[in-house]
Each structure stands twice: as structure tokens, then as C-alpha cells.
Amino acid sequence: MSHATSYELFINGKWRAANNRATLPVINPATEKVFGSVASATVSDLDEALASAERSRKAWSSRPVKERGEILVAAARILATKAGDAAKDLSAEQGKTIAEATGEYARAV
């Protein structure tokens, strides 16, 4: 990547900064250069995320199995179209080879 990317928290269906606005650098272990930054969640951020996840679990569980399957297949198709770029980011973030990162996304799909 040619520029550092900043990642926020995804809580209750929205992207946002941590309550304390703090971030942590993400360093490419192969080059030791900053790849990006991530929001540093507080305990209250985590409590909010857990409460949201529990509400979502209940809503997801109430959907018919066929509908859940259709949603997961659609998500896999979307991921497959983005796997190449995602593998490059994963490689930079984790220091993995592109082949290994691509394999991870292929298994996820």
C-alpha cells in the first residue's frame, strides 16, 4: 500500500472512532513500516459491541435457515471479488506471502 489506512470500530452497524479517540499503529512485520492504524477500543466500546452482537445474534437466529444460507452465499461472492486486494492488505499487515493470504481468503469463501 502506498498510504497508511485508518480503521475505525464497527459497532452497531456503524463505523466510528473509539470513545477515547486513541489509535494504535499497524506495522508491517516484513518491512517494519507503518501499514495503517486501528482505533483502540475502550472497555465501554467493547461493552457496546458485545451488547450489539448479542442483539444481532438474536435477530440472525430468528431468520429461516434458507435465508441465512442465501445471505452467507451472497457474502462469499462479494468476498471473492475483493479477495485480491484484501490479500495484499493482509500480506502487508501480517507479513504473510501473497499466496498464503490469498489462500486464507479462498478458504473463507
PDB file of N, CA and C in Angstrom:
ATOM      1  N   MET A   1       0.836  -1.184   0.000  1.00  0.00           N
ATOM      2  CA  MET A   1       0.000   0.000   0.000  1.00  0.00           C
ATOM      3  C   MET A   1       0.876   1.241   0.000  1.00  0.00           C
ATOM      4  N   SER A   2       0.435   2.239  -0.683  1.00  0.00           N
ATOM      5  CA  SER A   2       1.223   3.457  -0.780  1.00  0.00           C
ATOM      6  C   SER A   2       0.872   4.463   0.302  1.00  0.00           C
ATOM      7  N   HIS A   3      -0.194   4.242   1.032  1.00  0.00           N
ATOM      8  CA  HIS A   3      -0.574   5.174   2.084  1.00  0.00           C
ATOM      9  C   HIS A   3      -1.092   4.405   3.291  1.00  0.00           C
ATOM     10  N   ALA A   4      -0.961   5.020   4.436  1.00  0.00           N
ATOM     11  CA  ALA A   4      -1.465   4.396   5.648  1.00  0.00           C
ATOM     12  C   ALA A   4      -2.984   4.531   5.684  1.00  0.00           C
ATOM     13  N   THR A   5      -3.640   3.469   6.083  1.00  0.00           N
ATOM     14  CA  THR A   5      -5.085   3.446   6.170  1.00  0.00           C
ATOM     15  C   THR A   5      -5.487   3.440   7.638  1.00  0.00           C
ATOM     16  N   SER A   6      -6.516   4.183   7.967  1.00  0.00           N
ATOM     17  CA  SER A   6      -7.011   4.234   9.328  1.00  0.00           C
ATOM     18  C   SER A   6      -8.316   3.456   9.414  1.00  0.00           C
ATOM     19  N   TYR A   7      -8.378   2.553  10.378  1.00  0.00           N
ATOM     20  CA  TYR A   7      -9.561   1.715  10.556  1.00  0.00           C
ATOM     21  C   TYR A   7     -10.257   2.090  11.856  1.00  0.00           C
ATOM     22  N   GLU A   8     -11.563   2.321  11.753  1.00  0.00           N
ATOM     23  CA  GLU A   8     -12.359   2.653  12.919  1.00  0.00           C
ATOM     24  C   GLU A   8     -13.002   1.381  13.473  1.00  0.00           C
ATOM     25  N   LEU A   9     -13.764   1.537  14.543  1.00  0.00           N
ATOM     26  CA  LEU A   9     -14.528   0.440  15.120  1.00  0.00           C
ATOM     27  C   LEU A   9     -15.846   0.317  14.370  1.00  0.00           C
ATOM     28  N   PHE A  10     -16.313  -0.908  14.166  1.00  0.00           N
ATOM     29  CA  PHE A  10     -17.625  -1.137  13.560  1.00  0.00           C
ATOM     30  C   PHE A  10     -18.515  -1.689  14.665  1.00  0.00           C
ATOM     31  N   ILE A  11     -19.374  -0.819  15.189  1.00  0.00           N
ATOM     32  CA  ILE A  11     -20.229  -1.185  16.310  1.00  0.00           C
ATOM     33  C   ILE A  11     -21.657  -0.778  15.992  1.00  0.00           C
ATOM     34  N   ASN A  12     -22.564  -1.721  16.162  1.00  0.00           N
ATOM     35  CA  ASN A  12     -23.995  -1.473  15.967  1.00  0.00           C
ATOM     36  C   ASN A  12     -24.291  -0.937  14.564  1.00  0.00           C
ATOM     37  N   GLY A  13     -23.595  -1.518  13.586  1.00  0.00           N
ATOM     38  CA  GLY A  13     -23.863  -1.178  12.192  1.00  0.00           C
ATOM     39  C   GLY A  13     -23.237   0.114  11.696  1.00  0.00           C
ATOM     40  N   LYS A  14     -22.327   0.712  12.492  1.00  0.00           N
ATOM     41  CA  LYS A  14     -21.728   1.989  12.089  1.00  0.00           C
ATOM     42  C   LYS A  14     -20.227   1.980  12.363  1.00  0.00           C
ATOM     43  N   TRP A  15     -19.483   2.638  11.480  1.00  0.00           N
ATOM     44  CA  TRP A  15     -18.054   2.852  11.696  1.00  0.00           C
ATOM     45  C   TRP A  15     -17.885   4.101  12.533  1.00  0.00           C
ATOM     46  N   ARG A  16     -17.008   4.018  13.548  1.00  0.00           N
ATOM     47  CA  ARG A  16     -16.764   5.197  14.377  1.00  0.00           C
ATOM     48  C   ARG A  16     -15.430   5.063  15.107  1.00  0.00           C
ATOM     49  N   ALA A  17     -14.951   6.196  15.594  1.00  0.00           N
ATOM     50  CA  ALA A  17     -13.718   6.221  16.382  1.00  0.00           C
ATOM     51  C   ALA A  17     -13.980   5.606  17.751  1.00  0.00           C
ATOM     52  N   ALA A  18     -12.932   5.229  18.424  1.00  0.00           N
ATOM     53  CA  ALA A  18     -13.059   4.763  19.804  1.00  0.00           C
ATOM     54  C   ALA A  18     -13.508   5.929  20.678  1.00  0.00           C
ATOM     55  N   ASN A  19     -14.138   5.618  21.805  1.00  0.00           N
ATOM     56  CA  ASN A  19     -14.603   6.677  22.709  1.00  0.00           C
ATOM     57  C   ASN A  19     -13.467   7.582  23.162  1.00  0.00           C
ATOM     58  N   ASN A  20     -12.271   7.041  23.278  1.00  0.00           N
ATOM     59  CA  ASN A  20     -11.133   7.845  23.716  1.00  0.00           C
ATOM     60  C   ASN A  20     -10.353   8.457  22.545  1.00  0.00           C
ATOM     61  N   ARG A  21     -10.815   8.201  21.325  1.00  0.00           N
ATOM     62  CA  ARG A  21     -10.192   8.698  20.087  1.00  0.00           C
ATOM     63  C   ARG A  21      -8.771   8.178  19.875  1.00  0.00           C
ATOM     64  N   ALA A  22      -8.316   7.247  20.697  1.00  0.00           N
ATOM     65  CA  ALA A  22      -6.957   6.716  20.577  1.00  0.00           C
ATOM     66  C   ALA A  22      -6.863   5.723  19.418  1.00  0.00           C
ATOM     67  N   THR A  23      -5.679   5.649  18.842  1.00  0.00           N
ATOM     68  CA  THR A  23      -5.406   4.685  17.774  1.00  0.00           C
ATOM     69  C   THR A  23      -4.092   3.970  18.069  1.00  0.00           C
ATOM     70  N   LEU A  24      -3.915   2.845  17.407  1.00  0.00           N
ATOM     71  CA  LEU A  24      -2.686   2.071  17.506  1.00  0.00           C
ATOM     72  C   LEU A  24      -2.129   1.877  16.104  1.00  0.00           C
ATOM     73  N   PRO A  25      -0.809   1.947  15.940  1.00  0.00           N
ATOM     74  CA  PRO A  25      -0.241   1.710  14.606  1.00  0.00           C
ATOM     75  C   PRO A  25      -0.285   0.231  14.250  1.00  0.00           C
ATOM     76  N   VAL A  26      -0.448  -0.056  12.960  1.00  0.00           N
ATOM     77  CA  VAL A  26      -0.336  -1.415  12.443  1.00  0.00           C
ATOM     78  C   VAL A  26       0.953  -1.438  11.638  1.00  0.00           C
ATOM     79  N   ILE A  27       1.886  -2.279  12.054  1.00  0.00           N
ATOM     80  CA  ILE A  27       3.222  -2.292  11.459  1.00  0.00           C
ATOM     81  C   ILE A  27       3.415  -3.551  10.635  1.00  0.00           C
ATOM     82  N   ASN A  28       3.862  -3.372   9.389  1.00  0.00           N
ATOM     83  CA  ASN A  28       4.180  -4.498   8.518  1.00  0.00           C
ATOM     84  C   ASN A  28       5.413  -5.185   9.096  1.00  0.00           C
ATOM     85  N   PRO A  29       5.288  -6.440   9.547  1.00  0.00           N
ATOM     86  CA  PRO A  29       6.437  -7.088  10.173  1.00  0.00           C
ATOM     87  C   PRO A  29       7.580  -7.373   9.196  1.00  0.00           C
ATOM     88  N   ALA A  30       7.302  -7.420   7.921  1.00  0.00           N
ATOM     89  CA  ALA A  30       8.359  -7.680   6.937  1.00  0.00           C
ATOM     90  C   ALA A  30       9.218  -6.446   6.682  1.00  0.00           C
ATOM     91  N   THR A  31       8.602  -5.256   6.727  1.00  0.00           N
ATOM     92  CA  THR A  31       9.339  -4.024   6.420  1.00  0.00           C
ATOM     93  C   THR A  31       9.514  -3.117   7.632  1.00  0.00           C
ATOM     94  N   GLU A  32       8.778  -3.406   8.694  1.00  0.00           N
ATOM     95  CA  GLU A  32       8.742  -2.590   9.908  1.00  0.00           C
ATOM     96  C   GLU A  32       8.238  -1.168   9.650  1.00  0.00           C
ATOM     97  N   LYS A  33       7.489  -0.991   8.567  1.00  0.00           N
ATOM     98  CA  LYS A  33       6.876   0.300   8.262  1.00  0.00           C
ATOM     99  C   LYS A  33       5.417   0.282   8.703  1.00  0.00           C
ATOM    100  N   VAL A  34       4.911   1.462   9.055  1.00  0.00           N
ATOM    101  CA  VAL A  34       3.516   1.571   9.467  1.00  0.00           C
ATOM    102  C   VAL A  34       2.625   1.321   8.253  1.00  0.00           C
ATOM    103  N   PHE A  35       1.727   0.372   8.404  1.00  0.00           N
ATOM    104  CA  PHE A  35       0.786  -0.010   7.353  1.00  0.00           C
ATOM    105  C   PHE A  35      -0.490   0.807   7.480  1.00  0.00           C
ATOM    106  N   GLY A  36      -0.865   1.117   8.703  1.00  0.00           N
ATOM    107  CA  GLY A  36      -2.097   1.849   8.962  1.00  0.00           C
ATOM    108  C   GLY A  36      -2.255   2.046  10.449  1.00  0.00           C
ATOM    109  N   SER A  37      -3.467   2.367  10.855  1.00  0.00           N
ATOM    110  CA  SER A  37      -3.768   2.487  12.271  1.00  0.00           C
ATOM    111  C   SER A  37      -5.162   1.939  12.528  1.00  0.00           C
ATOM    112  N   VAL A  38      -5.362   1.503  13.762  1.00  0.00           N
ATOM    113  CA  VAL A  38      -6.665   0.983  14.170  1.00  0.00           C
ATOM    114  C   VAL A  38      -7.118   1.718  15.419  1.00  0.00           C
ATOM    115  N   ALA A  39      -8.419   1.884  15.539  1.00  0.00           N
ATOM    116  CA  ALA A  39      -8.969   2.501  16.739  1.00  0.00           C
ATOM    117  C   ALA A  39      -8.671   1.605  17.932  1.00  0.00           C
ATOM    118  N   SER A  40      -8.314   2.205  19.042  1.00  0.00           N
ATOM    119  CA  SER A  40      -8.017   1.472  20.274  1.00  0.00           C
ATOM    120  C   SER A  40      -9.260   1.500  21.159  1.00  0.00           C
ATOM    121  N   ALA A  41      -9.994   0.408  21.140  1.00  0.00           N
ATOM    122  CA  ALA A  41     -11.274   0.344  21.846  1.00  0.00           C
ATOM    123  C   ALA A  41     -11.108   0.454  23.348  1.00  0.00           C
ATOM    124  N   THR A  42     -12.068   1.130  23.968  1.00  0.00           N
ATOM    125  CA  THR A  42     -12.128   1.224  25.425  1.00  0.00           C
ATOM    126  C   THR A  42     -13.034   0.110  25.950  1.00  0.00           C
ATOM    127  N   VAL A  43     -13.069  -0.041  27.257  1.00  0.00           N
ATOM    128  CA  VAL A  43     -13.970  -1.027  27.863  1.00  0.00           C
ATOM    129  C   VAL A  43     -15.417  -0.698  27.486  1.00  0.00           C
ATOM    130  N   SER A  44     -15.785   0.565  27.483  1.00  0.00           N
ATOM    131  CA  SER A  44     -17.171   0.929  27.130  1.00  0.00           C
ATOM    132  C   SER A  44     -17.456   0.635  25.661  1.00  0.00           C
ATOM    133  N   ASP A  45     -16.451   0.809  24.775  1.00  0.00           N
ATOM    134  CA  ASP A  45     -16.627   0.422  23.368  1.00  0.00           C
ATOM    135  C   ASP A  45     -16.900  -1.083  23.274  1.00  0.00           C
ATOM    136  N   LEU A  46     -16.117  -1.860  24.019  1.00  0.00           N
ATOM    137  CA  LEU A  46     -16.287  -3.315  23.991  1.00  0.00           C
ATOM    138  C   LEU A  46     -17.640  -3.734  24.556  1.00  0.00           C
ATOM    139  N   ASP A  47     -18.064  -3.105  25.634  1.00  0.00           N
ATOM    140  CA  ASP A  47     -19.386  -3.410  26.199  1.00  0.00           C
ATOM    141  C   ASP A  47     -20.483  -3.119  25.184  1.00  0.00           C
ATOM    142  N   GLU A  48     -20.357  -1.990  24.484  1.00  0.00           N
ATOM    143  CA  GLU A  48     -21.342  -1.626  23.464  1.00  0.00           C
ATOM    144  C   GLU A  48     -21.322  -2.633  22.309  1.00  0.00           C
ATOM    145  N   ALA A  49     -20.139  -3.040  21.897  1.00  0.00           N
ATOM    146  CA  ALA A  49     -20.018  -4.013  20.806  1.00  0.00           C
ATOM    147  C   ALA A  49     -20.615  -5.358  21.201  1.00  0.00           C
ATOM    148  N   LEU A  50     -20.355  -5.804  22.421  1.00  0.00           N
ATOM    149  CA  LEU A  50     -20.908  -7.081  22.877  1.00  0.00           C
ATOM    150  C   LEU A  50     -22.426  -7.039  22.959  1.00  0.00           C
ATOM    151  N   ALA A  51     -22.975  -5.940  23.460  1.00  0.00           N
ATOM    152  CA  ALA A  51     -24.431  -5.800  23.529  1.00  0.00           C
ATOM    153  C   ALA A  51     -25.039  -5.807  22.130  1.00  0.00           C
ATOM    154  N   SER A  52     -24.401  -5.120  21.194  1.00  0.00           N
ATOM    155  CA  SER A  52     -24.870  -5.087  19.814  1.00  0.00           C
ATOM    156  C   SER A  52     -24.794  -6.475  19.178  1.00  0.00           C
ATOM    157  N   ALA A  53     -23.691  -7.179  19.441  1.00  0.00           N
ATOM    158  CA  ALA A  53     -23.532  -8.530  18.891  1.00  0.00           C
ATOM    159  C   ALA A  53     -24.608  -9.462  19.424  1.00  0.00           C
ATOM    160  N   GLU A  54     -24.948  -9.341  20.687  1.00  0.00           N
ATOM    161  CA  GLU A  54     -25.996 -10.194  21.261  1.00  0.00           C
ATOM    162  C   GLU A  54     -27.348  -9.890  20.617  1.00  0.00           C
ATOM    163  N   ARG A  55     -27.660  -8.612  20.407  1.00  0.00           N
ATOM    164  CA  ARG A  55     -28.919  -8.263  19.728  1.00  0.00           C
ATOM    165  C   ARG A  55     -28.928  -8.827  18.311  1.00  0.00           C
ATOM    166  N   SER A  56     -27.791  -8.705  17.627  1.00  0.00           N
ATOM    167  CA  SER A  56     -27.693  -9.216  16.255  1.00  0.00           C
ATOM    168  C   SER A  56     -27.818 -10.731  16.217  1.00  0.00           C
ATOM    169  N   ARG A  57     -27.225 -11.417  17.201  1.00  0.00           N
ATOM    170  CA  ARG A  57     -27.318 -12.880  17.245  1.00  0.00           C
ATOM    171  C   ARG A  57     -28.770 -13.317  17.360  1.00  0.00           C
ATOM    172  N   LYS A  58     -29.508 -12.633  18.195  1.00  0.00           N
ATOM    173  CA  LYS A  58     -30.921 -12.980  18.361  1.00  0.00           C
ATOM    174  C   LYS A  58     -31.687 -12.754  17.060  1.00  0.00           C
ATOM    175  N   ALA A  59     -31.442 -11.630  16.391  1.00  0.00           N
ATOM    176  CA  ALA A  59     -32.125 -11.334  15.126  1.00  0.00           C
ATOM    177  C   ALA A  59     -31.725 -12.339  14.051  1.00  0.00           C
ATOM    178  N   TRP A  60     -30.425 -12.662  13.966  1.00  0.00           N
ATOM    179  CA  TRP A  60     -29.925 -13.628  12.974  1.00  0.00           C
ATOM    180  C   TRP A  60     -30.542 -15.000  13.219  1.00  0.00           C
ATOM    181  N   SER A  61     -30.592 -15.419  14.467  1.00  0.00           N
ATOM    182  CA  SER A  61     -31.120 -16.741  14.809  1.00  0.00           C
ATOM    183  C   SER A  61     -32.599 -16.878  14.463  1.00  0.00           C
ATOM    184  N   SER A  62     -33.315 -15.771  14.452  1.00  0.00           N
ATOM    185  CA  SER A  62     -34.749 -15.839  14.156  1.00  0.00           C
ATOM    186  C   SER A  62     -35.043 -15.924  12.656  1.00  0.00           C
ATOM    187  N   ARG A  63     -34.024 -15.697  11.814  1.00  0.00           N
ATOM    188  CA  ARG A  63     -34.220 -15.808  10.364  1.00  0.00           C
ATOM    189  C   ARG A  63     -34.280 -17.280   9.968  1.00  0.00           C
ATOM    190  N   PRO A  64     -35.066 -17.609   8.958  1.00  0.00           N
ATOM    191  CA  PRO A  64     -35.101 -19.005   8.487  1.00  0.00           C
ATOM    192  C   PRO A  64     -33.719 -19.443   7.985  1.00  0.00           C
ATOM    193  N   VAL A  65     -33.418 -20.722   8.161  1.00  0.00           N
ATOM    194  CA  VAL A  65     -32.122 -21.274   7.765  1.00  0.00           C
ATOM    195  C   VAL A  65     -31.835 -21.004   6.291  1.00  0.00           C
ATOM    196  N   LYS A  66     -32.824 -21.176   5.433  1.00  0.00           N
ATOM    197  CA  LYS A  66     -32.630 -20.955   3.994  1.00  0.00           C
ATOM    198  C   LYS A  66     -32.191 -19.514   3.734  1.00  0.00           C
ATOM    199  N   GLU A  67     -32.814 -18.570   4.398  1.00  0.00           N
ATOM    200  CA  GLU A  67     -32.467 -17.156   4.230  1.00  0.00           C
ATOM    201  C   GLU A  67     -31.044 -16.883   4.735  1.00  0.00           C
ATOM    202  N   ARG A  68     -30.682 -17.458   5.869  1.00  0.00           N
ATOM    203  CA  ARG A  68     -29.315 -17.273   6.376  1.00  0.00           C
ATOM    204  C   ARG A  68     -28.300 -17.837   5.395  1.00  0.00           C
ATOM    205  N   GLY A  69     -28.601 -18.991   4.826  1.00  0.00           N
ATOM    206  CA  GLY A  69     -27.709 -19.585   3.835  1.00  0.00           C
ATOM    207  C   GLY A  69     -27.546 -18.704   2.613  1.00  0.00           C
ATOM    208  N   GLU A  70     -28.638 -18.143   2.127  1.00  0.00           N
ATOM    209  CA  GLU A  70     -28.584 -17.257   0.958  1.00  0.00           C
ATOM    210  C   GLU A  70     -27.733 -16.017   1.248  1.00  0.00           C
ATOM    211  N   ILE A  71     -27.857 -15.483   2.440  1.00  0.00           N
ATOM    212  CA  ILE A  71     -27.067 -14.308   2.823  1.00  0.00           C
ATOM    213  C   ILE A  71     -25.582 -14.673   2.861  1.00  0.00           C
ATOM    214  N   LEU A  72     -25.253 -15.822   3.428  1.00  0.00           N
ATOM    215  CA  LEU A  72     -23.853 -16.239   3.513  1.00  0.00           C
ATOM    216  C   LEU A  72     -23.258 -16.509   2.133  1.00  0.00           C
ATOM    217  N   VAL A  73     -24.038 -17.090   1.228  1.00  0.00           N
ATOM    218  CA  VAL A  73     -23.550 -17.322  -0.135  1.00  0.00           C
ATOM    219  C   VAL A  73     -23.306 -15.989  -0.832  1.00  0.00           C
ATOM    220  N   ALA A  74     -24.212 -15.035  -0.652  1.00  0.00           N
ATOM    221  CA  ALA A  74     -24.026 -13.705  -1.255  1.00  0.00           C
ATOM    222  C   ALA A  74     -22.779 -13.029  -0.686  1.00  0.00           C
ATOM    223  N   ALA A  75     -22.561 -13.157   0.623  1.00  0.00           N
ATOM    224  CA  ALA A  75     -21.365 -12.568   1.240  1.00  0.00           C
ATOM    225  C   ALA A  75     -20.100 -13.214   0.689  1.00  0.00           C
ATOM    226  N   ALA A  76     -20.126 -14.528   0.490  1.00  0.00           N
ATOM    227  CA  ALA A  76     -18.963 -15.227  -0.068  1.00  0.00           C
ATOM    228  C   ALA A  76     -18.665 -14.741  -1.480  1.00  0.00           C
ATOM    229  N   ARG A  77     -19.696 -14.497  -2.269  1.00  0.00           N
ATOM    230  CA  ARG A  77     -19.488 -13.989  -3.635  1.00  0.00           C
ATOM    231  C   ARG A  77     -18.849 -12.606  -3.604  1.00  0.00           C
ATOM    232  N   ILE A  78     -19.302 -11.755  -2.701  1.00  0.00           N
ATOM    233  CA  ILE A  78     -18.721 -10.416  -2.579  1.00  0.00           C
ATOM    234  C   ILE A  78     -17.263 -10.523  -2.151  1.00  0.00           C
ATOM    235  N   LEU A  79     -16.983 -11.364  -1.156  1.00  0.00           N
ATOM    236  CA  LEU A  79     -15.610 -11.541  -0.689  1.00  0.00           C
ATOM    237  C   LEU A  79     -14.713 -12.049  -1.809  1.00  0.00           C
ATOM    238  N   ALA A  80     -15.228 -12.947  -2.631  1.00  0.00           N
ATOM    239  CA  ALA A  80     -14.432 -13.490  -3.732  1.00  0.00           C
ATOM    240  C   ALA A  80     -14.004 -12.391  -4.706  1.00  0.00           C
ATOM    241  N   THR A  81     -14.851 -11.388  -4.915  1.00  0.00           N
ATOM    242  CA  THR A  81     -14.496 -10.298  -5.836  1.00  0.00           C
ATOM    243  C   THR A  81     -13.452  -9.358  -5.240  1.00  0.00           C
ATOM    244  N   LYS A  82     -13.317  -9.364  -3.914  1.00  0.00           N
ATOM    245  CA  LYS A  82     -12.395  -8.450  -3.235  1.00  0.00           C
ATOM    246  C   LYS A  82     -11.166  -9.158  -2.684  1.00  0.00           C
ATOM    247  N   ALA A  83     -11.061 -10.456  -2.904  1.00  0.00           N
ATOM    248  CA  ALA A  83     -10.004 -11.256  -2.282  1.00  0.00           C
ATOM    249  C   ALA A  83      -8.602 -10.811  -2.697  1.00  0.00           C
ATOM    250  N   GLY A  84      -8.408 -10.411  -3.943  1.00  0.00           N
ATOM    251  CA  GLY A  84      -7.079 -10.000  -4.392  1.00  0.00           C
ATOM    252  C   GLY A  84      -6.561  -8.794  -3.635  1.00  0.00           C
ATOM    253  N   ASP A  85      -7.370  -7.752  -3.536  1.00  0.00           N
ATOM    254  CA  ASP A  85      -6.962  -6.553  -2.796  1.00  0.00           C
ATOM    255  C   ASP A  85      -6.847  -6.855  -1.307  1.00  0.00           C
ATOM    256  N   ALA A  86      -7.777  -7.639  -0.787  1.00  0.00           N
ATOM    257  CA  ALA A  86      -7.739  -7.981   0.633  1.00  0.00           C
ATOM    258  C   ALA A  86      -6.483  -8.786   0.960  1.00  0.00           C
ATOM    259  N   ALA A  87      -6.071  -9.676   0.059  1.00  0.00           N
ATOM    260  CA  ALA A  87      -4.866 -10.475   0.281  1.00  0.00           C
ATOM    261  C   ALA A  87      -3.625  -9.585   0.344  1.00  0.00           C
ATOM    262  N   LYS A  88      -3.582  -8.547  -0.486  1.00  0.00           N
ATOM    263  CA  LYS A  88      -2.450  -7.616  -0.442  1.00  0.00           C
ATOM    264  C   LYS A  88      -2.397  -6.907   0.910  1.00  0.00           C
ATOM    265  N   ASP A  89      -3.556  -6.477   1.399  1.00  0.00           N
ATOM    266  CA  ASP A  89      -3.606  -5.812   2.697  1.00  0.00           C
ATOM    267  C   ASP A  89      -3.224  -6.775   3.820  1.00  0.00           C
ATOM    268  N   LEU A  90      -3.731  -7.998   3.765  1.00  0.00           N
ATOM    269  CA  LEU A  90      -3.404  -8.991   4.785  1.00  0.00           C
ATOM    270  C   LEU A  90      -1.910  -9.293   4.775  1.00  0.00           C
ATOM    271  N   SER A  91      -1.331  -9.370   3.603  1.00  0.00           N
ATOM    272  CA  SER A  91       0.104  -9.613   3.477  1.00  0.00           C
ATOM    273  C   SER A  91       0.896  -8.485   4.139  1.00  0.00           C
ATOM    274  N   ALA A  92       0.498  -7.243   3.886  1.00  0.00           N
ATOM    275  CA  ALA A  92       1.191  -6.102   4.484  1.00  0.00           C
ATOM    276  C   ALA A  92       1.002  -6.063   5.996  1.00  0.00           C
ATOM    277  N   GLU A  93      -0.186  -6.393   6.436  1.00  0.00           N
ATOM    278  CA  GLU A  93      -0.493  -6.334   7.870  1.00  0.00           C
ATOM    279  C   GLU A  93       0.200  -7.446   8.643  1.00  0.00           C
ATOM    280  N   GLN A  94       0.235  -8.644   8.080  1.00  0.00           N
ATOM    281  CA  GLN A  94       0.718  -9.807   8.815  1.00  0.00           C
ATOM    282  C   GLN A  94       2.103 -10.282   8.394  1.00  0.00           C
ATOM    283  N   GLY A  95       2.590  -9.785   7.262  1.00  0.00           N
ATOM    284  CA  GLY A  95       3.874 -10.248   6.764  1.00  0.00           C
ATOM    285  C   GLY A  95       3.784 -11.589   6.057  1.00  0.00           C
ATOM    286  N   LYS A  96       2.585 -12.020   5.732  1.00  0.00           N
ATOM    287  CA  LYS A  96       2.384 -13.280   5.016  1.00  0.00           C
ATOM    288  C   LYS A  96       2.726 -13.088   3.547  1.00  0.00           C
ATOM    289  N   THR A  97       2.996 -14.192   2.874  1.00  0.00           N
ATOM    290  CA  THR A  97       3.156 -14.106   1.427  1.00  0.00           C
ATOM    291  C   THR A  97       1.783 -13.852   0.810  1.00  0.00           C
ATOM    292  N   ILE A  98       1.778 -13.302  -0.401  1.00  0.00           N
ATOM    293  CA  ILE A  98       0.508 -13.079  -1.103  1.00  0.00           C
ATOM    294  C   ILE A  98      -0.207 -14.419  -1.306  1.00  0.00           C
ATOM    295  N   ALA A  99       0.553 -15.459  -1.634  1.00  0.00           N
ATOM    296  CA  ALA A  99      -0.058 -16.780  -1.853  1.00  0.00           C
ATOM    297  C   ALA A  99      -0.757 -17.273  -0.583  1.00  0.00           C
ATOM    298  N   GLU A 100      -0.105 -17.113   0.553  1.00  0.00           N
ATOM    299  CA  GLU A 100      -0.714 -17.560   1.810  1.00  0.00           C
ATOM    300  C   GLU A 100      -1.956 -16.739   2.136  1.00  0.00           C
ATOM    301  N   ALA A 101      -1.865 -15.423   1.961  1.00  0.00           N
ATOM    302  CA  ALA A 101      -3.009 -14.543   2.231  1.00  0.00           C
ATOM    303  C   ALA A 101      -4.164 -14.850   1.278  1.00  0.00           C
ATOM    304  N   THR A 102      -3.851 -15.089   0.004  1.00  0.00           N
ATOM    305  CA  THR A 102      -4.881 -15.432  -0.971  1.00  0.00           C
ATOM    306  C   THR A 102      -5.553 -16.746  -0.589  1.00  0.00           C
ATOM    307  N   GLY A 103      -4.758 -17.696  -0.128  1.00  0.00           N
ATOM    308  CA  GLY A 103      -5.310 -18.978   0.319  1.00  0.00           C
ATOM    309  C   GLY A 103      -6.265 -18.826   1.491  1.00  0.00           C
ATOM    310  N   GLU A 104      -5.949 -17.922   2.403  1.00  0.00           N
ATOM    311  CA  GLU A 104      -6.850 -17.691   3.531  1.00  0.00           C
ATOM    312  C   GLU A 104      -8.203 -17.190   3.053  1.00  0.00           C
ATOM    313  N   TYR A 105      -8.188 -16.250   2.110  1.00  0.00           N
ATOM    314  CA  TYR A 105      -9.456 -15.740   1.590  1.00  0.00           C
ATOM    315  C   TYR A 105     -10.195 -16.801   0.784  1.00  0.00           C
ATOM    316  N   ALA A 106      -9.458 -17.613   0.034  1.00  0.00           N
ATOM    317  CA  ALA A 106     -10.099 -18.695  -0.728  1.00  0.00           C
ATOM    318  C   ALA A 106     -10.805 -19.660   0.220  1.00  0.00           C
ATOM    319  N   ARG A 107     -10.159 -19.987   1.345  1.00  0.00           N
ATOM    320  CA  ARG A 107     -10.789 -20.885   2.322  1.00  0.00           C
ATOM    321  C   ARG A 107     -12.021 -20.223   2.952  1.00  0.00           C
ATOM    322  N   ALA A 108     -11.946 -18.927   3.202  1.00  0.00           N
ATOM    323  CA  ALA A 108     -13.086 -18.224   3.776  1.00  0.00           C
ATOM    324  C   ALA A 108     -14.280 -18.235   2.822  1.00  0.00           C
ATOM    325  N   VAL A 109     -13.985 -18.041   1.540  1.00  0.00           N
ATOM    326  CA  VAL A 109     -15.060 -18.057   0.532  1.00  0.00           C
ATOM    327  C   VAL A 109     -15.657 -19.445   0.467  1.00  0.00           C
TER     328      VAL A 109
END
